Structures are given as C-alpha cells and as structure tokens.
Amino acid sequence: MNGNSIRITHHFDDCRDKKDNFLLDLSVSGHADYLVTGDDDLLTLNPFYGIQIVSYRTFQDFLSAN
C-alpha cells in the first residue's frame, strides 16, 4: 500500500463545528482540489481557499461529466 503524509502547515478555526477544522487544515495543507462531505457546517464554507467543498452527489456528477 502506498500513501502520503501531509505536514500540517495551516490551522483554521472557520467551521461552526470546531471538531471539523482539522479537515480544513488537512485539505489546505495537502493542496486538495476537493473536500467531499455531507456535513453542512463544511459545505457552507464552499469554496475555501480555492478548495471546492461539495457533497458526494455533486462530486459524482462532476466525475460523470468529465
């Protein structure tokens, strides 16, 4: 199995649910293009520092179209 480690370089406190901030930290530090979630507290932040925060359905539709 292969994997990458992500060095956390950013720390955010933007999410209404403070327990979700680590996902923002990981996404930005890891240079993610998308954060796929069903969490409304995260979805309301879309876009976030150039990262598209989308539902599974929206991401699935995007993949099907491309």
C-alpha atoms as a PDB file:
ATOM      1  CA  MET A   1       0.000   0.000   0.000  1.00  0.00           C
ATOM      2  CA  ASN A   2       1.243   3.488  -0.856  1.00  0.00           C
ATOM      3  CA  GLY A   3       0.410   6.663   0.943  1.00  0.00           C
ATOM      4  CA  ASN A   4       1.483  10.201   1.505  1.00  0.00           C
ATOM      5  CA  SER A   5       1.879  12.028   4.745  1.00  0.00           C
ATOM      6  CA  ILE A   6       0.729  15.611   4.975  1.00  0.00           C
ATOM      7  CA  ARG A   7       2.613  18.113   7.067  1.00  0.00           C
ATOM      8  CA  ILE A   8       0.025  20.431   8.587  1.00  0.00           C
ATOM      9  CA  THR A   9       1.089  23.965   7.687  1.00  0.00           C
ATOM     10  CA  HIS A  10      -2.228  25.739   8.224  1.00  0.00           C
ATOM     11  CA  HIS A  11      -4.558  25.833  11.208  1.00  0.00           C
ATOM     12  CA  PHE A  12      -8.082  27.143  10.758  1.00  0.00           C
ATOM     13  CA  ASP A  13     -10.924  27.985  13.104  1.00  0.00           C
ATOM     14  CA  ASP A  14     -13.541  28.831  10.464  1.00  0.00           C
ATOM     15  CA  CYS A  15     -16.005  25.963  10.791  1.00  0.00           C
ATOM     16  CA  ARG A  16     -19.086  26.289  13.006  1.00  0.00           C
ATOM     17  CA  ASP A  17     -18.363  22.792  14.315  1.00  0.00           C
ATOM     18  CA  LYS A  18     -14.872  23.211  15.728  1.00  0.00           C
ATOM     19  CA  LYS A  19     -14.288  19.442  15.544  1.00  0.00           C
ATOM     20  CA  ASP A  20     -14.312  19.739  11.727  1.00  0.00           C
ATOM     21  CA  ASN A  21     -11.500  22.283  11.488  1.00  0.00           C
ATOM     22  CA  PHE A  22      -8.908  19.510  11.131  1.00  0.00           C
ATOM     23  CA  LEU A  23     -10.423  18.684   7.727  1.00  0.00           C
ATOM     24  CA  LEU A  24      -9.803  22.254   6.591  1.00  0.00           C
ATOM     25  CA  ASP A  25      -6.244  22.047   7.942  1.00  0.00           C
ATOM     26  CA  LEU A  26      -5.622  18.807   6.031  1.00  0.00           C
ATOM     27  CA  SER A  27      -7.255  19.991   2.821  1.00  0.00           C
ATOM     28  CA  VAL A  28      -5.325  23.249   2.593  1.00  0.00           C
ATOM     29  CA  SER A  29      -2.022  21.804   3.814  1.00  0.00           C
ATOM     30  CA  GLY A  30      -2.379  18.896   1.374  1.00  0.00           C
ATOM     31  CA  HIS A  31      -3.256  21.181  -1.567  1.00  0.00           C
ATOM     32  CA  ALA A  32      -6.579  19.432  -2.156  1.00  0.00           C
ATOM     33  CA  ASP A  33      -8.802  20.408  -5.048  1.00  0.00           C
ATOM     34  CA  TYR A  34     -11.950  18.989  -3.442  1.00  0.00           C
ATOM     35  CA  LEU A  35     -13.266  18.160   0.001  1.00  0.00           C
ATOM     36  CA  VAL A  36     -16.201  15.770  -0.359  1.00  0.00           C
ATOM     37  CA  THR A  37     -18.550  15.760   2.616  1.00  0.00           C
ATOM     38  CA  GLY A  38     -22.145  15.551   3.721  1.00  0.00           C
ATOM     39  CA  ASP A  39     -21.518  17.940   6.612  1.00  0.00           C
ATOM     40  CA  ASP A  40     -23.492  21.187   6.282  1.00  0.00           C
ATOM     41  CA  ASP A  41     -21.042  23.005   8.555  1.00  0.00           C
ATOM     42  CA  LEU A  42     -18.309  22.386   5.979  1.00  0.00           C
ATOM     43  CA  LEU A  43     -20.486  22.740   2.869  1.00  0.00           C
ATOM     44  CA  THR A  44     -21.413  26.306   3.831  1.00  0.00           C
ATOM     45  CA  LEU A  45     -17.733  27.298   3.567  1.00  0.00           C
ATOM     46  CA  ASN A  46     -17.536  26.442  -0.158  1.00  0.00           C
ATOM     47  CA  PRO A  47     -15.236  27.486  -1.684  1.00  0.00           C
ATOM     48  CA  PHE A  48     -12.487  27.565   0.928  1.00  0.00           C
ATOM     49  CA  TYR A  49      -9.028  28.814  -0.049  1.00  0.00           C
ATOM     50  CA  GLY A  50      -9.556  27.552  -3.597  1.00  0.00           C
ATOM     51  CA  ILE A  51     -10.860  24.165  -2.456  1.00  0.00           C
ATOM     52  CA  GLN A  52     -14.296  23.130  -3.660  1.00  0.00           C
ATOM     53  CA  ILE A  53     -16.284  21.723  -0.733  1.00  0.00           C
ATOM     54  CA  VAL A  54     -19.013  19.603  -2.275  1.00  0.00           C
ATOM     55  CA  SER A  55     -21.442  16.825  -1.490  1.00  0.00           C
ATOM     56  CA  TYR A  56     -20.823  13.278  -2.677  1.00  0.00           C
ATOM     57  CA  ARG A  57     -23.625  13.662  -5.232  1.00  0.00           C
ATOM     58  CA  THR A  58     -22.135  16.863  -6.673  1.00  0.00           C
ATOM     59  CA  PHE A  59     -18.705  15.245  -6.898  1.00  0.00           C
ATOM     60  CA  GLN A  60     -20.166  12.136  -8.515  1.00  0.00           C
ATOM     61  CA  ASP A  61     -21.948  14.312 -11.103  1.00  0.00           C
ATOM     62  CA  PHE A  62     -18.687  16.164 -11.776  1.00  0.00           C
ATOM     63  CA  LEU A  63     -16.815  12.890 -12.334  1.00  0.00           C
ATOM     64  CA  SER A  64     -19.538  11.546 -14.621  1.00  0.00           C
ATOM     65  CA  ALA A  65     -19.432  14.690 -16.761  1.00  0.00           C
ATOM     66  CA  ASN A  66     -15.648  14.583 -17.161  1.00  0.00           C
END
